[in-house]
């Protein structure tokens, strides 16, 4: 969403009148971003690919600064840490800016493309979104594409000689602090979402004195073995969906079991983006991949009951695969899959054999098996044992969790809140919005709550925050397709 017109004018004036950032005036240049109607400031910082070899291969870390509107701005800028892993912070800036508009009045907003994403030594694989559905969701075909991508990335200047090992979260957070120093920012206010919460926790561990406040939304702790937790948490979200819509769809669970029992089966579905009819076989693994994505967003998940019943009763899979495509159709949300696997293979896979998360009854171990296969040949970086520990918070931390989140539900936020609050519980608050999905900040009044937390003049005034305005928001009602019968009732 673009800024309102008067805000756009004010931002343009602020760019012209405000003093340049300390130590960074020479490196910042006027620039524009798609979806943002005003001129911003862009810069880059050269960093060693391998910090142990400062004279070796260099990469450029790119960043964007949205200057504060007020002339008497606060010195502590807001740093947005993107999700994934693999999301470009700069690419999602236009989507995030409206949620941070109040903070931007007196604070600079900074978006840094983490190494491996966006323009910062990108580790991109080919875009799969317009491939035939059977190829998009077929794990064997995906493994072949990823192996080919790895081979291509290893030919890049920063991918040769095991270069893919140097894209871990720890090294990336060292880049973030180097940018802070270049910009002359005394302390960050960190805002991390999804994987960005892991990044924020690592930055907080490495540079505790350089953080004033921290917001982590959809907590993905460093000790979370992602491929194992995927199955456990997605299963819990699916079970909650069945229960929530039991009154409107009393046979949904039975329809689901019948659908599973009918597989594999041949179907014909139009590719949602191209409109081309495709005929392929729906396997159990393909079905579970299709179901998992809409669970991230309650508004999309509300259409799952009707989509699942259409597939089970009529063999119509169009709605189900349409929902799956809708979740990741925005180019801004695409992940740099090379960076994704460089992080997960180094940080999560070594913990997979000892993971305590039980596989979901329906989701089973397909995700874990896929990551295990990819990581067999993917170069792995070194991760210090301290990375997996969350020390007590040195400054106020606000944790946000969605009760309907299939990836980072409250159970992860609870243990991180306990670790952060050890000895100083008053520095930590964990807010659970029961019917929110993956990402709580966009819900209702949460953007104002985050503003109050960061803008509070003292740590004592920052917490606790009252979130009753969000915690009472109900789950979206199940979508009811329009049929001749329902159309007549509506009239």
Protein backbone atom coordinates (compact mmCIF):
# COMPACT_ATOMS: atom_id res chain seq x y z
CA UNK A 1 0.00 0.00 0.00
CA UNK A 2 1.44 3.43 -0.89
CA UNK A 3 1.62 6.19 1.68
CA UNK A 4 -1.26 8.69 1.71
CA UNK A 5 -0.54 11.71 -0.51
CA UNK A 6 0.14 14.12 2.36
CA UNK A 7 2.54 11.60 3.91
CA UNK A 8 4.35 11.23 0.60
CA UNK A 9 4.81 15.00 0.42
CA UNK A 10 6.04 15.13 4.00
CA UNK A 11 8.54 12.36 3.35
CA UNK A 12 9.86 14.15 0.27
CA UNK A 13 10.30 17.31 2.32
CA UNK A 14 12.07 15.39 5.06
CA UNK A 15 14.52 13.97 2.55
CA UNK A 16 15.33 17.45 1.37
CA UNK A 17 15.58 19.13 4.77
CA UNK A 18 16.82 16.53 7.25
CA UNK A 19 20.49 16.25 8.12
CA UNK A 20 22.26 13.27 6.53
CA UNK A 21 23.02 10.26 8.69
CA UNK A 22 26.30 10.49 10.56
CA UNK A 23 29.30 8.79 8.87
CA UNK A 24 27.15 7.73 5.92
CA UNK A 25 26.36 10.81 3.85
CA UNK A 26 28.90 9.88 1.18
CA UNK A 27 27.67 6.30 0.80
CA UNK A 28 23.92 7.02 0.61
CA UNK A 29 22.40 7.88 -2.75
CA UNK A 30 18.83 8.87 -3.70
CA UNK A 31 16.88 5.89 -4.99
CA UNK A 32 13.38 4.56 -5.57
CA UNK A 33 11.64 1.30 -4.77
CA UNK A 34 8.68 -0.27 -6.54
CA UNK A 35 5.53 0.40 -4.54
CA UNK A 36 6.97 3.41 -2.69
CA UNK A 37 6.05 6.73 -4.36
CA UNK A 38 8.82 8.79 -2.76
CA UNK A 39 12.57 9.02 -3.06
CA UNK A 40 14.53 7.01 -0.50
CA UNK A 41 18.24 6.57 0.23
CA UNK A 42 20.24 3.52 -0.81
CA UNK A 43 23.71 2.34 0.05
CA UNK A 44 25.98 -0.67 0.10
CA UNK A 45 28.86 -1.88 2.21
CA UNK A 46 31.64 -4.19 1.09
CA UNK A 47 32.15 -7.15 3.40
CA UNK A 48 34.47 -10.17 3.34
CA UNK A 49 32.68 -13.36 2.36
CA UNK A 50 34.77 -15.19 4.96
CA UNK A 51 35.60 -12.95 7.96
CA UNK A 52 38.64 -15.13 8.68
CA UNK A 53 40.03 -14.05 5.29
CA UNK A 54 39.44 -10.28 5.18
CA UNK A 55 41.55 -9.94 2.03
CA UNK A 56 39.70 -12.72 0.23
CA UNK A 57 36.46 -12.65 -1.77
CA UNK A 58 34.29 -9.60 -1.06
CA UNK A 59 30.52 -9.21 -1.29
CA UNK A 60 28.39 -6.05 -1.31
CA UNK A 61 25.64 -5.82 1.32
CA UNK A 62 22.88 -3.51 0.10
CA UNK A 63 20.51 -1.47 2.27
CA UNK A 64 17.77 1.16 2.07
CA UNK A 65 17.10 3.93 4.55
CA UNK A 66 13.67 5.54 4.90
CA UNK A 67 14.54 8.80 6.68
CA UNK A 68 12.48 9.96 9.63
CA UNK A 69 9.94 12.67 8.83
CA UNK A 70 10.64 14.85 11.85
CA UNK A 71 13.69 17.09 11.86
CA UNK A 72 14.33 16.34 15.55
CA UNK A 73 14.45 12.61 14.97
CA UNK A 74 15.53 9.98 17.48
CA UNK A 75 18.99 8.46 16.94
CA UNK A 76 17.87 4.81 17.39
CA UNK A 77 16.80 3.55 13.98
CA UNK A 78 14.44 0.64 13.33
CA UNK A 79 15.95 -2.38 11.56
CA UNK A 80 13.57 -4.78 9.80
CA UNK A 81 14.82 -8.39 9.60
CA UNK A 82 13.07 -10.39 6.89
CA UNK A 83 11.81 -13.96 7.01
CA UNK A 84 12.41 -17.13 5.06
CA UNK A 85 15.26 -17.76 5.41
CA UNK A 86 15.80 -16.25 1.99
CA UNK A 87 13.51 -13.22 1.88
CA UNK A 88 14.82 -9.86 0.67
CA UNK A 89 14.11 -7.14 3.25
CA UNK A 90 14.28 -4.46 0.55
CA UNK A 91 11.77 -6.31 -1.65
CA UNK A 92 9.18 -6.44 1.15
CA UNK A 93 9.78 -2.85 2.27
CA UNK A 94 6.78 -1.45 0.39
CA UNK A 95 4.49 -3.98 2.09
CA UNK A 96 5.91 -3.30 5.55
CA UNK A 97 6.16 0.50 5.49
CA UNK A 98 2.45 1.17 6.18
CA UNK A 99 2.72 -0.86 9.40
CA UNK A 100 5.69 1.20 10.54
CA UNK A 101 4.46 4.65 9.48
CA UNK A 102 4.10 5.99 13.04
CA UNK A 103 7.58 4.81 13.95
CA UNK A 104 8.93 6.49 10.81
CA UNK A 105 7.80 9.89 12.08
CA UNK A 106 10.82 10.22 14.38
CA UNK A 107 13.00 7.24 13.48
CA UNK A 108 14.81 6.11 10.37
CA UNK A 109 13.70 2.74 9.03
CA UNK A 110 16.46 0.54 7.65
CA UNK A 111 16.03 -2.47 5.35
CA UNK A 112 19.16 -4.57 4.73
CA UNK A 113 19.28 -7.37 2.19
CA UNK A 114 20.87 -10.14 4.24
CA UNK A 115 23.79 -11.80 2.47
CA UNK A 116 22.42 -14.29 -0.04
CA UNK A 117 19.19 -12.33 -0.68
CA UNK A 118 18.07 -9.46 -2.89
CA UNK A 119 21.12 -7.62 -4.22
CA UNK A 120 23.51 -8.83 -1.50
CA UNK A 121 25.41 -11.67 -3.21
CA UNK A 122 22.11 -13.35 -4.12
CA UNK A 123 21.74 -17.12 -4.04
CA UNK A 124 18.64 -17.32 -6.22
CA UNK A 125 17.22 -20.42 -7.85
CA UNK A 126 14.84 -20.37 -10.81
CA UNK A 127 11.28 -19.17 -10.19
CA UNK A 128 9.00 -22.20 -10.02
CA UNK A 129 5.69 -20.31 -9.85
CA UNK A 130 4.80 -20.74 -13.54
CA UNK A 131 5.92 -24.34 -13.85
CA UNK A 132 3.24 -26.99 -14.27
CA UNK A 133 1.62 -27.73 -10.92
CA UNK A 134 2.80 -31.31 -10.96
CA UNK A 135 6.41 -30.06 -11.20
CA UNK A 136 5.93 -27.38 -8.55
CA UNK A 137 4.62 -29.84 -6.00
CA UNK A 138 6.51 -32.97 -7.07
CA UNK A 139 9.31 -33.46 -4.53
CA UNK A 140 11.48 -35.59 -6.84
CA UNK A 141 11.36 -32.93 -9.56
CA UNK A 142 12.06 -30.25 -6.97
CA UNK A 143 15.12 -32.12 -5.71
CA UNK A 144 16.50 -32.27 -9.25
CA UNK A 145 15.99 -28.52 -9.72
CA UNK A 146 17.64 -27.73 -6.40
CA UNK A 147 20.65 -29.88 -7.18
CA UNK A 148 21.03 -28.09 -10.51
CA UNK A 149 20.68 -24.75 -8.72
CA UNK A 150 23.42 -25.67 -6.24
CA UNK A 151 25.77 -26.55 -9.09
CA UNK A 152 25.06 -23.19 -10.73
CA UNK A 153 25.54 -21.21 -7.52
CA UNK A 154 28.88 -22.90 -6.87
CA UNK A 155 30.18 -21.30 -10.08
CA UNK A 156 29.51 -17.75 -8.82
CA UNK A 157 32.52 -15.77 -7.56
CA UNK A 158 31.15 -16.00 -4.02
CA UNK A 159 30.03 -19.61 -4.42
CA UNK A 160 33.30 -21.17 -5.52
CA UNK A 161 35.56 -23.19 -3.22
CA UNK A 162 32.78 -23.85 -0.72
CA UNK A 163 31.57 -20.26 -0.67
CA UNK A 164 28.02 -21.33 0.12
CA UNK A 165 29.25 -22.12 3.65
CA UNK A 166 29.50 -18.41 4.48
CA UNK A 167 25.82 -17.46 4.51
CA UNK A 168 24.95 -18.43 8.08
CA UNK A 169 22.86 -16.28 10.38
CA UNK A 170 25.87 -15.45 12.56
CA UNK A 171 27.91 -14.04 9.68
CA UNK A 172 24.89 -12.14 8.39
CA UNK A 173 24.36 -10.47 11.76
CA UNK A 174 27.98 -9.33 11.72
CA UNK A 175 27.12 -7.63 8.42
CA UNK A 176 24.13 -5.96 10.06
CA UNK A 177 26.30 -4.50 12.78
CA UNK A 178 28.82 -3.27 10.22
CA UNK A 179 25.99 -1.40 8.48
CA UNK A 180 24.93 0.05 11.85
CA UNK A 181 28.43 1.40 12.36
CA UNK A 182 28.58 2.78 8.82
CA UNK A 183 25.29 4.62 9.36
CA UNK A 184 26.36 5.96 12.74
CA UNK A 185 23.36 4.42 14.50
CA UNK A 186 24.11 3.99 18.24
CA UNK A 187 21.44 1.31 18.77
CA UNK A 188 18.93 -0.58 16.67
CA UNK A 189 15.29 -1.24 17.47
CA UNK A 190 14.99 -4.72 15.96
CA UNK A 191 11.82 -6.01 14.31
CA UNK A 192 12.09 -9.60 13.08
CA UNK A 193 9.40 -11.77 11.50
CA UNK A 194 9.51 -15.57 11.07
CA UNK A 195 13.15 -16.49 10.35
CA UNK A 196 13.87 -12.82 11.09
CA UNK A 197 13.17 -13.64 14.74
CA UNK A 198 16.08 -16.11 14.73
CA UNK A 199 18.23 -13.42 13.14
CA UNK A 200 17.15 -10.88 15.77
CA UNK A 201 17.93 -13.29 18.61
CA UNK A 202 21.39 -13.93 17.17
CA UNK A 203 22.07 -10.21 16.77
CA UNK A 204 20.91 -9.69 20.35
CA UNK A 205 23.28 -12.44 21.51
CA UNK A 206 26.26 -11.09 19.58
CA UNK A 207 25.72 -7.36 20.14
CA UNK A 208 23.55 -6.90 23.26
CA UNK A 209 24.66 -3.32 23.91
CA UNK A 210 23.65 -2.24 20.40
CA UNK A 211 19.95 -3.13 20.84
CA UNK A 212 17.43 -0.80 22.47
CA UNK A 213 14.18 -2.74 21.89
CA UNK A 214 13.30 -5.99 20.10
CA UNK A 215 10.06 -7.21 18.51
CA UNK A 216 9.98 -10.82 17.28
CA UNK A 217 6.85 -11.93 15.45
CA UNK A 218 6.35 -15.66 14.79
CA UNK A 219 9.22 -16.94 16.90
CA UNK A 220 11.62 -19.38 15.17
CA UNK A 221 14.26 -20.09 17.83
CA UNK A 222 17.80 -21.19 16.98
CA UNK A 223 17.22 -24.58 18.63
CA UNK A 224 14.26 -25.30 16.34
CA UNK A 225 15.04 -28.11 13.89
CA UNK A 226 12.83 -26.73 11.13
CA UNK A 227 12.21 -29.89 9.07
CA UNK A 228 10.98 -31.74 12.18
CA UNK A 229 8.86 -28.94 13.63
CA UNK A 230 7.21 -28.34 10.24
CA UNK A 231 5.33 -31.63 10.54
CA UNK A 232 4.39 -31.28 14.21
CA UNK A 233 3.13 -27.71 13.96
CA UNK A 234 1.34 -28.07 10.62
CA UNK A 235 -0.54 -31.11 11.98
CA UNK A 236 -1.65 -29.14 15.03
CA UNK A 237 -2.88 -26.30 12.82
CA UNK A 238 -4.82 -28.71 10.60
CA UNK A 239 -6.46 -30.37 13.61
CA UNK A 240 -7.43 -26.92 14.94
CA UNK A 241 -8.99 -26.10 11.56
CA UNK A 242 -11.13 -29.25 11.67
CA UNK A 243 -12.28 -28.41 15.18
CA UNK A 244 -12.98 -24.74 14.46
CA UNK A 245 -15.26 -25.53 11.53
CA UNK A 246 -16.94 -28.64 12.96
CA UNK A 247 -20.31 -26.88 13.26
CA UNK A 248 -20.43 -25.63 9.65
CA UNK A 249 -18.67 -28.67 8.14
CA UNK A 250 -19.50 -31.61 10.45
CA UNK A 251 -18.20 -34.21 8.00
CA UNK A 252 -14.93 -32.40 7.23
CA UNK A 253 -12.69 -34.77 9.16
CA UNK A 254 -14.36 -37.82 7.57
CA UNK A 255 -14.10 -36.18 4.13
CA UNK A 256 -10.41 -35.58 4.79
CA UNK A 257 -9.80 -39.22 5.66
CA UNK A 258 -11.71 -40.33 2.58
CA UNK A 259 -9.61 -37.97 0.46
CA UNK A 260 -6.38 -39.42 1.86
CA UNK A 261 -7.64 -42.96 1.27
CA UNK A 262 -8.44 -42.16 -2.38
CA UNK A 263 -4.84 -41.32 -3.24
CA UNK A 264 -3.06 -41.60 -5.56
CA UNK A 265 -5.56 -40.38 -8.15
CA UNK A 266 -5.33 -38.70 -11.56
CA UNK A 267 -6.87 -35.22 -11.79
CA UNK A 268 -7.14 -32.38 -14.29
CA UNK A 269 -6.62 -28.85 -12.93
CA UNK A 270 -6.01 -25.48 -14.55
CA UNK A 271 -2.66 -23.98 -13.58
CA UNK A 272 -3.87 -20.95 -11.54
CA UNK A 273 -1.36 -18.47 -13.04
CA UNK A 274 -1.37 -19.63 -16.68
CA UNK A 275 -4.88 -21.08 -17.00
CA UNK A 276 -3.49 -24.08 -18.88
CA UNK A 277 -5.29 -27.37 -17.99
CA UNK A 278 -2.91 -29.96 -16.58
CA UNK A 279 -3.43 -33.64 -15.90
CA UNK A 280 -1.33 -35.22 -13.16
CA UNK A 281 -1.46 -37.66 -10.29
CA UNK A 282 -2.14 -36.40 -6.78
CA UNK A 283 -0.05 -38.32 -4.27
CA UNK A 284 -0.22 -38.06 -0.49
CA UNK A 285 2.96 -35.96 -0.39
CA UNK A 286 1.63 -33.59 -3.06
CA UNK A 287 -1.68 -33.20 -1.19
CA UNK A 288 0.05 -32.39 2.10
CA UNK A 289 2.21 -29.77 0.38
CA UNK A 290 -0.91 -28.19 -1.09
CA UNK A 291 -2.75 -28.11 2.26
CA UNK A 292 0.08 -26.71 4.35
CA UNK A 293 0.49 -23.35 2.58
CA UNK A 294 -3.04 -21.92 3.09
CA UNK A 295 -2.80 -22.69 6.82
CA UNK A 296 -0.33 -19.80 7.17
CA UNK A 297 -3.09 -17.22 6.61
CA UNK A 298 -6.47 -17.65 8.38
CA UNK A 299 -8.22 -15.83 5.52
CA UNK A 300 -6.97 -18.47 3.07
CA UNK A 301 -7.44 -21.32 5.55
CA UNK A 302 -11.12 -20.34 5.82
CA UNK A 303 -11.53 -21.60 2.25
CA UNK A 304 -9.87 -24.95 2.96
CA UNK A 305 -12.98 -26.76 4.27
CA UNK A 306 -14.88 -26.11 1.05
CA UNK A 307 -11.82 -26.90 -1.08
CA UNK A 308 -11.14 -30.19 0.72
CA UNK A 309 -14.77 -31.28 0.50
CA UNK A 310 -14.86 -30.44 -3.22
CA UNK A 311 -11.79 -32.60 -3.74
CA UNK A 312 -13.09 -35.47 -1.60
CA UNK A 313 -16.67 -35.55 -2.88
CA UNK A 314 -16.42 -34.34 -6.47
CA UNK A 315 -12.78 -34.91 -7.37
CA UNK A 316 -12.46 -31.15 -7.98
CA UNK A 317 -8.98 -30.03 -6.91
CA UNK A 318 -9.05 -26.60 -8.59
CA UNK A 319 -9.84 -24.64 -5.42
CA UNK A 320 -7.22 -26.45 -3.35
CA UNK A 321 -4.36 -25.84 -5.77
CA UNK A 322 -5.58 -22.30 -6.37
CA UNK A 323 -5.24 -21.59 -2.63
CA UNK A 324 -1.73 -23.04 -2.62
CA UNK A 325 -0.64 -20.83 -5.52
CA UNK A 326 -2.26 -17.74 -3.98
CA UNK A 327 -0.10 -17.98 -0.88
CA UNK A 328 3.23 -17.43 -2.62
CA UNK A 329 2.23 -15.66 -5.84
CA UNK A 330 3.77 -12.26 -4.98
CA UNK A 331 7.29 -11.79 -6.40
CA UNK A 332 8.18 -9.78 -3.27
CA UNK A 333 7.66 -12.89 -1.12
CA UNK A 334 9.93 -15.16 -3.17
CA UNK A 335 12.80 -16.75 -1.31
CA UNK A 336 16.40 -17.02 -2.42
CA UNK A 337 16.40 -20.79 -2.09
CA UNK A 338 20.17 -21.05 -2.22
CA UNK A 339 20.45 -18.87 0.86
CA UNK A 340 17.56 -20.79 2.44
CA UNK A 341 19.41 -24.10 2.22
CA UNK A 342 22.76 -22.58 3.19
CA UNK A 343 21.12 -21.53 6.46
CA UNK A 344 18.95 -24.58 7.15
CA UNK A 345 21.58 -27.16 6.16
CA UNK A 346 24.11 -25.54 8.51
CA UNK A 347 21.88 -24.65 11.45
CA UNK A 348 18.94 -27.09 11.48
CA UNK A 349 19.93 -30.35 9.81
CA UNK A 350 22.64 -31.27 12.33
CA UNK A 351 19.96 -31.20 15.04
CA UNK A 352 17.43 -33.27 13.11
CA UNK A 353 18.49 -36.72 14.44
CA UNK A 354 17.96 -35.55 18.03
CA UNK A 355 14.76 -33.56 17.40
CA UNK A 356 12.00 -34.27 19.94
CA UNK A 357 9.10 -33.08 17.74
CA UNK A 358 6.89 -36.08 16.88
CA UNK A 359 5.90 -36.30 13.18
CA UNK A 360 2.31 -35.31 12.46
CA UNK A 361 -0.05 -38.20 11.75
CA UNK A 362 -0.83 -36.84 8.28
CA UNK A 363 2.23 -34.73 7.43
CA UNK A 364 4.66 -37.45 8.55
CA UNK A 365 8.35 -36.92 7.65
CA UNK A 366 8.19 -35.78 4.03
CA UNK A 367 9.67 -32.33 4.74
CA UNK A 368 12.45 -33.78 6.88
CA UNK A 369 13.29 -36.29 4.17
CA UNK A 370 13.37 -33.61 1.48
CA UNK A 371 15.74 -31.36 3.46
CA UNK A 372 17.92 -34.33 4.33
CA UNK A 373 18.29 -35.16 0.65
CA UNK A 374 19.16 -31.57 -0.36
CA UNK A 375 21.61 -31.09 2.48
CA UNK A 376 23.59 -34.22 1.59
CA UNK A 377 25.40 -32.25 -1.10
CA UNK A 378 24.89 -28.67 0.10
CA UNK A 379 28.02 -27.01 1.60
CA UNK A 380 27.52 -26.45 5.34
CA UNK A 381 28.90 -23.56 7.33
CA UNK A 382 30.31 -23.78 10.84
CA UNK A 383 27.88 -22.97 13.67
CA UNK A 384 29.11 -22.29 17.21
CA UNK A 385 27.37 -24.19 20.05
CA UNK A 386 26.49 -20.83 21.63
CA UNK A 387 24.28 -20.04 18.63
CA UNK A 388 21.62 -22.43 19.94
CA UNK A 389 21.41 -20.75 23.35
CA UNK A 390 19.18 -17.77 24.15
CA UNK A 391 20.76 -15.67 26.93
CA UNK A 392 18.71 -13.39 29.22
CA UNK A 393 17.45 -10.25 27.51
CA UNK A 394 19.60 -7.17 28.13
CA UNK A 395 16.74 -4.87 27.05
CA UNK A 396 12.94 -5.11 26.56
CA UNK A 397 11.72 -7.81 24.15
CA UNK A 398 8.17 -8.18 22.82
CA UNK A 399 7.30 -11.64 21.46
CA UNK A 400 4.24 -12.17 19.24
CA UNK A 401 2.66 -15.53 18.34
CA UNK A 402 -0.38 -16.56 16.35
CA UNK A 403 -2.39 -19.38 17.88
CA UNK A 404 -3.28 -20.73 14.42
CA UNK A 405 0.27 -20.52 13.05
CA UNK A 406 1.35 -23.79 11.36
CA UNK A 407 5.06 -22.90 11.39
CA UNK A 408 5.92 -20.90 14.52
CA UNK A 409 3.05 -21.43 16.99
CA UNK A 410 3.12 -20.18 20.61
CA UNK A 411 5.00 -23.19 21.97
CA UNK A 412 8.22 -21.83 20.48
CA UNK A 413 7.62 -18.31 21.76
CA UNK A 414 6.93 -19.66 25.25
CA UNK A 415 10.33 -21.28 25.70
CA UNK A 416 12.15 -18.29 24.19
CA UNK A 417 10.26 -15.92 26.50
CA UNK A 418 11.29 -18.05 29.47
CA UNK A 419 14.97 -17.97 28.44
CA UNK A 420 14.96 -14.24 27.70
CA UNK A 421 13.20 -13.44 30.97
CA UNK A 422 15.57 -15.45 33.20
CA UNK A 423 16.33 -13.17 36.13
CA UNK A 424 14.47 -10.19 34.60
CA UNK A 425 10.94 -11.29 33.69
CA UNK A 426 9.84 -7.65 33.53
CA UNK A 427 11.92 -7.20 30.35
CA UNK A 428 9.90 -9.73 28.36
CA UNK A 429 6.26 -10.04 27.25
CA UNK A 430 4.83 -12.81 25.10
CA UNK A 431 1.53 -11.91 23.42
CA UNK A 432 -0.52 -14.69 21.81
CA UNK A 433 -3.30 -13.77 19.38
CA UNK A 434 -5.31 -17.02 19.39
CA UNK A 435 -6.79 -16.86 15.90
CA UNK A 436 -3.86 -15.23 14.07
CA UNK A 437 -1.71 -17.15 11.63
CA UNK A 438 1.93 -16.73 10.65
CA UNK A 439 2.59 -13.08 11.49
CA UNK A 440 0.74 -11.06 14.12
CA UNK A 441 1.88 -7.50 13.39
CA UNK A 442 -0.63 -6.97 10.52
CA UNK A 443 -3.56 -7.90 12.81
CA UNK A 444 -5.86 -5.08 13.93
CA UNK A 445 -4.25 -2.78 16.46
CA UNK A 446 -0.90 -4.56 16.70
CA UNK A 447 0.97 -1.94 14.69
CA UNK A 448 -0.03 0.68 17.27
CA UNK A 449 1.01 -1.63 20.09
CA UNK A 450 4.44 -2.12 18.50
CA UNK A 451 4.75 1.65 18.11
CA UNK A 452 3.99 2.24 21.78
CA UNK A 453 6.51 -0.41 22.80
CA UNK A 454 9.37 1.07 20.77
CA UNK A 455 8.43 4.71 21.34
CA UNK A 456 8.20 4.42 25.15
CA UNK A 457 10.80 6.71 26.69
CA UNK A 458 11.87 4.26 29.40
CA UNK A 459 12.22 0.48 29.61
CA UNK A 460 9.79 0.45 32.52
CA UNK A 461 7.13 2.14 30.36
CA UNK A 462 7.70 -0.17 27.38
CA UNK A 463 6.19 -3.28 29.02
CA UNK A 464 3.68 -4.67 29.57
CA UNK A 465 1.45 -3.71 26.64
CA UNK A 466 -2.31 -4.26 26.54
CA UNK A 467 -3.20 -6.45 23.54
CA UNK A 468 -6.88 -7.09 24.31
CA UNK A 469 -7.86 -5.35 21.09
CA UNK A 470 -6.16 -8.14 19.10
CA UNK A 471 -6.56 -11.20 21.29
CA UNK A 472 -10.37 -11.03 21.00
CA UNK A 473 -10.37 -11.13 17.18
CA UNK A 474 -12.24 -14.29 16.03
CA UNK A 475 -11.16 -16.82 13.43
CA UNK A 476 -12.56 -15.99 9.94
CA UNK A 477 -15.76 -17.88 9.18
CA UNK A 478 -15.51 -20.77 6.77
CA UNK A 479 -15.97 -19.76 3.15
CA UNK A 480 -19.24 -20.96 1.65
CA UNK A 481 -19.22 -21.36 -2.16
CA UNK A 482 -22.10 -19.76 -4.02
CA UNK A 483 -24.47 -22.42 -5.34
CA UNK A 484 -27.99 -22.11 -6.76
CA UNK A 485 -29.32 -22.99 -3.29
CA UNK A 486 -27.19 -20.47 -1.36
CA UNK A 487 -27.76 -17.77 -3.99
CA UNK A 488 -31.52 -18.11 -3.51
CA UNK A 489 -31.12 -17.88 0.26
CA UNK A 490 -29.01 -14.74 -0.06
CA UNK A 491 -31.67 -13.08 -2.23
